[in-house]
């Protein structure tokens, strides 16, 4: 999973592109940018005795990527970094932890609409949907998706009742796909909706989602966010 790139061109919404060739700061270059911004002067407290990071993440593993607005040519450096709740998590959710705006030419003013309209949440959602994909992609080719066991899942079956985890092949992969579909559809509490679909208690659906997260099939949940 760690070989999955943090940002690819398909993560960007319409109107935004990566330069050709892409400008991706290496680890050393990212450290140098952080140093120029005085991030290297920060002190990083140790996690709690239970391994919980309590919402804090060591900033020294961030990476910088350059993207560009296709119409205005405004360029933006994005700092991407994994966020962890517990030290033992296999892979953290990717968040944007820094933004630097650059006009097309040095000395030009930055267009104010760019400061308001950079779709950060959509970029993060696209990155994490790809990072935590069940089989490397959540796109259904021709309306079907081949699961790890070799079973074929039809797109229209993603929102059907999930069945028994001990008797259903690829159960937690399908849990992740159903949860992702509900999030994409704008469902405010996808786990509660999953409980309704499968006619199980909310606590049962919450356990399924927690297990899918532990397997690395879904991003870690954020504090204070439903579902």
C-alpha atoms as a PDB file:
ATOM      1  CA  UNK A   1       0.000   0.000   0.000  1.00  0.00           C
ATOM      2  CA  UNK A   2       2.852   2.415   0.727  1.00  0.00           C
ATOM      3  CA  UNK A   3       3.865   2.247  -2.932  1.00  0.00           C
ATOM      4  CA  UNK A   4       0.575   3.923  -3.897  1.00  0.00           C
ATOM      5  CA  UNK A   5       1.395   7.511  -5.010  1.00  0.00           C
ATOM      6  CA  UNK A   6      -0.035  10.249  -2.824  1.00  0.00           C
ATOM      7  CA  UNK A   7      -1.311  12.259  -5.811  1.00  0.00           C
ATOM      8  CA  UNK A   8      -2.052  11.431  -9.449  1.00  0.00           C
ATOM      9  CA  UNK A   9      -3.694  13.535 -12.168  1.00  0.00           C
ATOM     10  CA  UNK A  10      -7.023  11.693 -11.888  1.00  0.00           C
ATOM     11  CA  UNK A  11      -7.376  12.870  -8.260  1.00  0.00           C
ATOM     12  CA  UNK A  12      -7.864  16.456  -9.461  1.00  0.00           C
ATOM     13  CA  UNK A  13     -11.332  17.848 -10.289  1.00  0.00           C
ATOM     14  CA  UNK A  14     -12.154  19.388 -13.657  1.00  0.00           C
ATOM     15  CA  UNK A  15     -10.185  22.552 -14.310  1.00  0.00           C
ATOM     16  CA  UNK A  16      -7.091  21.444 -12.395  1.00  0.00           C
ATOM     17  CA  UNK A  17      -4.114  19.560 -13.828  1.00  0.00           C
ATOM     18  CA  UNK A  18      -0.636  18.409 -12.918  1.00  0.00           C
ATOM     19  CA  UNK A  19       2.094  20.013 -15.067  1.00  0.00           C
ATOM     20  CA  UNK A  20       3.619  17.884 -17.797  1.00  0.00           C
ATOM     21  CA  UNK A  21       6.000  16.524 -16.643  1.00  0.00           C
ATOM     22  CA  UNK A  22       4.646  16.454 -13.065  1.00  0.00           C
ATOM     23  CA  UNK A  23       6.474  18.467 -10.406  1.00  0.00           C
ATOM     24  CA  UNK A  24       6.692  16.261  -7.321  1.00  0.00           C
ATOM     25  CA  UNK A  25       9.120  17.265  -4.595  1.00  0.00           C
ATOM     26  CA  UNK A  26      11.362  14.458  -3.413  1.00  0.00           C
ATOM     27  CA  UNK A  27      11.618  13.697   0.291  1.00  0.00           C
ATOM     28  CA  UNK A  28      14.766  15.834   0.517  1.00  0.00           C
ATOM     29  CA  UNK A  29      13.180  18.691  -1.440  1.00  0.00           C
ATOM     30  CA  UNK A  30      10.057  18.532   0.725  1.00  0.00           C
ATOM     31  CA  UNK A  31      12.215  18.744   3.846  1.00  0.00           C
ATOM     32  CA  UNK A  32      13.953  21.796   2.340  1.00  0.00           C
ATOM     33  CA  UNK A  33      10.592  23.495   1.619  1.00  0.00           C
ATOM     34  CA  UNK A  34       9.463  22.729   5.165  1.00  0.00           C
ATOM     35  CA  UNK A  35      12.698  24.231   6.493  1.00  0.00           C
ATOM     36  CA  UNK A  36      12.158  27.404   4.454  1.00  0.00           C
ATOM     37  CA  UNK A  37       8.696  27.690   6.046  1.00  0.00           C
ATOM     38  CA  UNK A  38      10.155  27.025   9.522  1.00  0.00           C
ATOM     39  CA  UNK A  39       8.303  23.757   9.948  1.00  0.00           C
ATOM     40  CA  UNK A  40      11.618  22.188  10.980  1.00  0.00           C
ATOM     41  CA  UNK A  41      11.611  24.337  14.139  1.00  0.00           C
ATOM     42  CA  UNK A  42       8.492  22.736  15.558  1.00  0.00           C
ATOM     43  CA  UNK A  43       8.616  20.318  18.474  1.00  0.00           C
ATOM     44  CA  UNK A  44       6.668  17.077  18.131  1.00  0.00           C
ATOM     45  CA  UNK A  45       5.223  15.653  21.382  1.00  0.00           C
ATOM     46  CA  UNK A  46       5.208  11.926  21.975  1.00  0.00           C
ATOM     47  CA  UNK A  47       1.951   9.946  21.648  1.00  0.00           C
ATOM     48  CA  UNK A  48      -0.038   8.954  24.710  1.00  0.00           C
ATOM     49  CA  UNK A  49       0.614   5.723  26.649  1.00  0.00           C
ATOM     50  CA  UNK A  50      -2.154   3.952  24.728  1.00  0.00           C
ATOM     51  CA  UNK A  51      -0.504   4.799  21.401  1.00  0.00           C
ATOM     52  CA  UNK A  52      -3.142   7.384  20.549  1.00  0.00           C
ATOM     53  CA  UNK A  53      -1.888  10.497  18.777  1.00  0.00           C
ATOM     54  CA  UNK A  54      -4.899  12.550  19.944  1.00  0.00           C
ATOM     55  CA  UNK A  55      -5.321  14.329  16.639  1.00  0.00           C
ATOM     56  CA  UNK A  56      -1.628  15.255  16.367  1.00  0.00           C
ATOM     57  CA  UNK A  57       0.681  14.020  13.624  1.00  0.00           C
ATOM     58  CA  UNK A  58       4.410  14.379  13.171  1.00  0.00           C
ATOM     59  CA  UNK A  59       4.748  16.890  10.333  1.00  0.00           C
ATOM     60  CA  UNK A  60       8.136  15.745   9.109  1.00  0.00           C
ATOM     61  CA  UNK A  61       6.825  13.239   6.559  1.00  0.00           C
ATOM     62  CA  UNK A  62       4.856  15.693   4.381  1.00  0.00           C
ATOM     63  CA  UNK A  63       5.372  15.771   0.607  1.00  0.00           C
ATOM     64  CA  UNK A  64       4.844  18.743  -1.756  1.00  0.00           C
ATOM     65  CA  UNK A  65       3.141  18.493  -5.178  1.00  0.00           C
ATOM     66  CA  UNK A  66       2.534  21.191  -7.808  1.00  0.00           C
ATOM     67  CA  UNK A  67      -0.870  21.494  -9.490  1.00  0.00           C
ATOM     68  CA  UNK A  68      -2.155  24.116 -11.916  1.00  0.00           C
ATOM     69  CA  UNK A  69      -5.471  25.753 -12.724  1.00  0.00           C
ATOM     70  CA  UNK A  70      -5.955  25.128 -16.441  1.00  0.00           C
ATOM     71  CA  UNK A  71      -7.722  28.420 -17.216  1.00  0.00           C
ATOM     72  CA  UNK A  72      -5.881  30.999 -15.105  1.00  0.00           C
ATOM     73  CA  UNK A  73      -2.512  29.164 -14.988  1.00  0.00           C
ATOM     74  CA  UNK A  74      -2.394  29.813 -11.252  1.00  0.00           C
ATOM     75  CA  UNK A  75      -0.152  27.194  -9.708  1.00  0.00           C
ATOM     76  CA  UNK A  76      -0.564  25.722  -6.243  1.00  0.00           C
ATOM     77  CA  UNK A  77       1.870  23.744  -4.135  1.00  0.00           C
ATOM     78  CA  UNK A  78      -0.011  21.195  -2.049  1.00  0.00           C
ATOM     79  CA  UNK A  79       1.554  19.565   0.973  1.00  0.00           C
ATOM     80  CA  UNK A  80       0.149  16.060   1.460  1.00  0.00           C
ATOM     81  CA  UNK A  81       0.608  13.984   4.557  1.00  0.00           C
ATOM     82  CA  UNK A  82      -0.860  10.868   6.105  1.00  0.00           C
ATOM     83  CA  UNK A  83      -2.838  11.378   9.312  1.00  0.00           C
ATOM     84  CA  UNK A  84      -2.966   8.689  12.001  1.00  0.00           C
ATOM     85  CA  UNK A  85      -5.149   8.292  15.082  1.00  0.00           C
ATOM     86  CA  UNK A  86      -3.197   5.306  16.422  1.00  0.00           C
ATOM     87  CA  UNK A  87       0.458   4.438  15.869  1.00  0.00           C
ATOM     88  CA  UNK A  88      -0.422   0.889  14.821  1.00  0.00           C
ATOM     89  CA  UNK A  89      -2.708   1.929  11.944  1.00  0.00           C
ATOM     90  CA  UNK A  90      -1.467   0.304   8.708  1.00  0.00           C
ATOM     91  CA  UNK A  91      -1.913   3.447   6.610  1.00  0.00           C
ATOM     92  CA  UNK A  92      -3.282   6.848   7.507  1.00  0.00           C
ATOM     93  CA  UNK A  93      -5.773   8.982   5.651  1.00  0.00           C
ATOM     94  CA  UNK A  94      -4.134  11.533   3.332  1.00  0.00           C
ATOM     95  CA  UNK A  95      -4.864  15.177   4.152  1.00  0.00           C
ATOM     96  CA  UNK A  96      -3.762  18.490   2.659  1.00  0.00           C
ATOM     97  CA  UNK A  97      -1.541  20.068   5.331  1.00  0.00           C
ATOM     98  CA  UNK A  98      -0.167  23.060   3.437  1.00  0.00           C
ATOM     99  CA  UNK A  99      -1.024  25.290   0.477  1.00  0.00           C
ATOM    100  CA  UNK A 100       1.213  27.789  -1.354  1.00  0.00           C
ATOM    101  CA  UNK A 101      -0.280  29.848  -4.214  1.00  0.00           C
ATOM    102  CA  UNK A 102       1.903  30.869  -7.155  1.00  0.00           C
ATOM    103  CA  UNK A 103       0.734  33.092 -10.058  1.00  0.00           C
ATOM    104  CA  UNK A 104       1.745  32.157 -13.603  1.00  0.00           C
ATOM    105  CA  UNK A 105       4.602  34.657 -13.603  1.00  0.00           C
ATOM    106  CA  UNK A 106       6.639  35.807 -10.604  1.00  0.00           C
ATOM    107  CA  UNK A 107       5.398  39.231  -9.581  1.00  0.00           C
ATOM    108  CA  UNK A 108       1.851  38.755 -10.870  1.00  0.00           C
ATOM    109  CA  UNK A 109      -0.943  39.018  -8.301  1.00  0.00           C
ATOM    110  CA  UNK A 110      -2.703  35.867  -7.168  1.00  0.00           C
ATOM    111  CA  UNK A 111      -6.298  35.847  -8.453  1.00  0.00           C
ATOM    112  CA  UNK A 112      -8.562  36.062  -5.399  1.00  0.00           C
ATOM    113  CA  UNK A 113     -11.099  33.504  -6.725  1.00  0.00           C
ATOM    114  CA  UNK A 114      -8.346  30.895  -6.577  1.00  0.00           C
ATOM    115  CA  UNK A 115      -8.011  31.504  -2.837  1.00  0.00           C
ATOM    116  CA  UNK A 116     -11.695  30.666  -2.369  1.00  0.00           C
ATOM    117  CA  UNK A 117     -12.309  28.003  -4.975  1.00  0.00           C
ATOM    118  CA  UNK A 118      -9.504  25.471  -4.558  1.00  0.00           C
ATOM    119  CA  UNK A 119     -11.554  22.257  -4.022  1.00  0.00           C
ATOM    120  CA  UNK A 120      -9.437  20.839  -1.201  1.00  0.00           C
ATOM    121  CA  UNK A 121     -12.101  18.507   0.210  1.00  0.00           C
ATOM    122  CA  UNK A 122     -12.803  16.991  -3.212  1.00  0.00           C
ATOM    123  CA  UNK A 123      -9.100  16.435  -3.830  1.00  0.00           C
ATOM    124  CA  UNK A 124      -8.686  14.742  -0.441  1.00  0.00           C
ATOM    125  CA  UNK A 125     -11.745  12.558  -1.051  1.00  0.00           C
ATOM    126  CA  UNK A 126     -10.458  11.451  -4.473  1.00  0.00           C
ATOM    127  CA  UNK A 127      -7.002  10.666  -3.095  1.00  0.00           C
ATOM    128  CA  UNK A 128      -8.328   8.566  -0.228  1.00  0.00           C
ATOM    129  CA  UNK A 129     -10.900   6.771  -2.379  1.00  0.00           C
ATOM    130  CA  UNK A 130      -7.996   5.618  -4.534  1.00  0.00           C
ATOM    131  CA  UNK A 131      -5.585   4.990  -1.634  1.00  0.00           C
ATOM    132  CA  UNK A 132      -8.036   2.715   0.150  1.00  0.00           C
ATOM    133  CA  UNK A 133      -9.518   1.082  -2.938  1.00  0.00           C
ATOM    134  CA  UNK A 134     -10.514  -2.547  -2.480  1.00  0.00           C
ATOM    135  CA  UNK A 135      -8.719  -3.940  -5.516  1.00  0.00           C
ATOM    136  CA  UNK A 136      -6.684  -0.994  -6.742  1.00  0.00           C
ATOM    137  CA  UNK A 137      -9.748   0.626  -8.301  1.00  0.00           C
ATOM    138  CA  UNK A 138     -13.332   1.262  -7.267  1.00  0.00           C
ATOM    139  CA  UNK A 139     -14.424   1.924 -10.851  1.00  0.00           C
ATOM    140  CA  UNK A 140     -16.763  -0.656 -12.295  1.00  0.00           C
ATOM    141  CA  UNK A 141     -15.597  -1.583 -15.782  1.00  0.00           C
ATOM    142  CA  UNK A 142     -18.636  -2.424 -17.870  1.00  0.00           C
ATOM    143  CA  UNK A 143     -20.768  -2.333 -14.717  1.00  0.00           C
ATOM    144  CA  UNK A 144     -18.846  -5.074 -12.885  1.00  0.00           C
ATOM    145  CA  UNK A 145     -15.903  -5.325 -10.484  1.00  0.00           C
ATOM    146  CA  UNK A 146     -13.823  -8.443  -9.802  1.00  0.00           C
ATOM    147  CA  UNK A 147     -13.282  -8.924  -6.070  1.00  0.00           C
ATOM    148  CA  UNK A 148     -10.172 -10.558  -4.522  1.00  0.00           C
ATOM    149  CA  UNK A 149     -11.840 -13.990  -4.361  1.00  0.00           C
ATOM    150  CA  UNK A 150     -12.640 -13.807  -8.071  1.00  0.00           C
ATOM    151  CA  UNK A 151     -16.342 -13.162  -7.483  1.00  0.00           C
ATOM    152  CA  UNK A 152     -17.951 -10.631  -9.806  1.00  0.00           C
ATOM    153  CA  UNK A 153     -19.842  -7.754  -8.199  1.00  0.00           C
ATOM    154  CA  UNK A 154     -22.323  -5.770 -10.271  1.00  0.00           C
ATOM    155  CA  UNK A 155     -22.526  -2.027  -9.715  1.00  0.00           C
ATOM    156  CA  UNK A 156     -26.262  -2.192  -9.011  1.00  0.00           C
ATOM    157  CA  UNK A 157     -25.683  -4.789  -6.253  1.00  0.00           C
ATOM    158  CA  UNK A 158     -23.414  -2.592  -4.097  1.00  0.00           C
ATOM    159  CA  UNK A 159     -26.352  -1.206  -2.109  1.00  0.00           C
ATOM    160  CA  UNK A 160     -28.015  -4.582  -1.442  1.00  0.00           C
ATOM    161  CA  UNK A 161     -28.060  -6.185   2.058  1.00  0.00           C
ATOM    162  CA  UNK A 162     -24.577  -7.360   2.999  1.00  0.00           C
ATOM    163  CA  UNK A 163     -25.401 -10.792   4.429  1.00  0.00           C
ATOM    164  CA  UNK A 164     -23.414 -12.830   6.947  1.00  0.00           C
ATOM    165  CA  UNK A 165     -19.705 -11.954   7.268  1.00  0.00           C
ATOM    166  CA  UNK A 166     -18.817 -15.619   7.877  1.00  0.00           C
ATOM    167  CA  UNK A 167     -20.644 -16.851   4.775  1.00  0.00           C
ATOM    168  CA  UNK A 168     -20.163 -14.001   2.286  1.00  0.00           C
ATOM    169  CA  UNK A 169     -16.948 -13.991   0.211  1.00  0.00           C
ATOM    170  CA  UNK A 170     -15.114 -10.656   0.253  1.00  0.00           C
ATOM    171  CA  UNK A 171     -17.548  -9.412   2.899  1.00  0.00           C
ATOM    172  CA  UNK A 172     -15.440  -6.523   4.186  1.00  0.00           C
ATOM    173  CA  UNK A 173     -14.432  -5.500   0.686  1.00  0.00           C
ATOM    174  CA  UNK A 174     -18.134  -5.126  -0.117  1.00  0.00           C
ATOM    175  CA  UNK A 175     -18.654  -3.239   3.162  1.00  0.00           C
ATOM    176  CA  UNK A 176     -15.988  -0.775   2.026  1.00  0.00           C
ATOM    177  CA  UNK A 177     -17.545  -0.427  -1.419  1.00  0.00           C
ATOM    178  CA  UNK A 178     -21.024   0.146   0.005  1.00  0.00           C
ATOM    179  CA  UNK A 179     -19.757   2.726   2.487  1.00  0.00           C
ATOM    180  CA  UNK A 180     -17.810   4.509  -0.277  1.00  0.00           C
ATOM    181  CA  UNK A 181     -20.855   4.543  -2.586  1.00  0.00           C
ATOM    182  CA  UNK A 182     -23.020   6.078   0.153  1.00  0.00           C
ATOM    183  CA  UNK A 183     -20.394   8.735   0.888  1.00  0.00           C
ATOM    184  CA  UNK A 184     -20.161   9.561  -2.819  1.00  0.00           C
ATOM    185  CA  UNK A 185     -23.959   9.853  -2.931  1.00  0.00           C
ATOM    186  CA  UNK A 186     -23.845  12.449  -0.153  1.00  0.00           C
ATOM    187  CA  UNK A 187     -25.332  10.267   2.587  1.00  0.00           C
ATOM    188  CA  UNK A 188     -24.730  12.208   5.857  1.00  0.00           C
ATOM    189  CA  UNK A 189     -24.429   9.041   7.993  1.00  0.00           C
ATOM    190  CA  UNK A 190     -23.438   6.154   5.733  1.00  0.00           C
ATOM    191  CA  UNK A 191     -23.005   3.624   8.542  1.00  0.00           C
ATOM    192  CA  UNK A 192     -26.544   4.201   9.808  1.00  0.00           C
ATOM    193  CA  UNK A 193     -27.832   3.814   6.271  1.00  0.00           C
ATOM    194  CA  UNK A 194     -25.879   0.545   5.935  1.00  0.00           C
ATOM    195  CA  UNK A 195     -27.602  -0.728   9.083  1.00  0.00           C
ATOM    196  CA  UNK A 196     -30.978   0.092   7.518  1.00  0.00           C
ATOM    197  CA  UNK A 197     -30.103  -1.642   4.236  1.00  0.00           C
ATOM    198  CA  UNK A 198     -29.002  -4.864   5.970  1.00  0.00           C
ATOM    199  CA  UNK A 199     -31.620  -4.629   8.736  1.00  0.00           C
ATOM    200  CA  UNK A 200     -29.078  -4.962  11.518  1.00  0.00           C
ATOM    201  CA  UNK A 201     -28.455  -2.866  14.668  1.00  0.00           C
ATOM    202  CA  UNK A 202     -26.353   0.242  14.173  1.00  0.00           C
ATOM    203  CA  UNK A 203     -23.679  -1.233  16.447  1.00  0.00           C
ATOM    204  CA  UNK A 204     -23.339  -4.201  14.067  1.00  0.00           C
ATOM    205  CA  UNK A 205     -22.837  -1.958  11.036  1.00  0.00           C
ATOM    206  CA  UNK A 206     -20.373   0.146  13.021  1.00  0.00           C
ATOM    207  CA  UNK A 207     -18.407  -3.014  13.795  1.00  0.00           C
ATOM    208  CA  UNK A 208     -18.335  -3.941  10.096  1.00  0.00           C
ATOM    209  CA  UNK A 209     -17.037  -0.508   9.122  1.00  0.00           C
ATOM    210  CA  UNK A 210     -14.450  -0.540  11.913  1.00  0.00           C
ATOM    211  CA  UNK A 211     -13.215  -3.934  10.704  1.00  0.00           C
ATOM    212  CA  UNK A 212     -12.994  -2.654   7.103  1.00  0.00           C
ATOM    213  CA  UNK A 213     -10.964   0.317   8.352  1.00  0.00           C
ATOM    214  CA  UNK A 214      -8.649  -1.981  10.333  1.00  0.00           C
ATOM    215  CA  UNK A 215      -8.050  -4.006   7.157  1.00  0.00           C
ATOM    216  CA  UNK A 216      -7.027  -0.834   5.313  1.00  0.00           C
ATOM    217  CA  UNK A 217     -10.073  -0.936   3.027  1.00  0.00           C
ATOM    218  CA  UNK A 218     -11.440   2.422   4.221  1.00  0.00           C
ATOM    219  CA  UNK A 219      -9.720   5.570   5.503  1.00  0.00           C
ATOM    220  CA  UNK A 220      -9.599   5.944   9.286  1.00  0.00           C
ATOM    221  CA  UNK A 221     -12.624   7.750  10.679  1.00  0.00           C
ATOM    222  CA  UNK A 222     -12.210  11.386  11.719  1.00  0.00           C
ATOM    223  CA  UNK A 223     -13.228  12.562  15.176  1.00  0.00           C
ATOM    224  CA  UNK A 224     -16.544  14.365  15.234  1.00  0.00           C
ATOM    225  CA  UNK A 225     -17.639  13.134  11.796  1.00  0.00           C
ATOM    226  CA  UNK A 226     -20.683  10.900  11.419  1.00  0.00           C
ATOM    227  CA  UNK A 227     -20.434   7.561   9.640  1.00  0.00           C
END
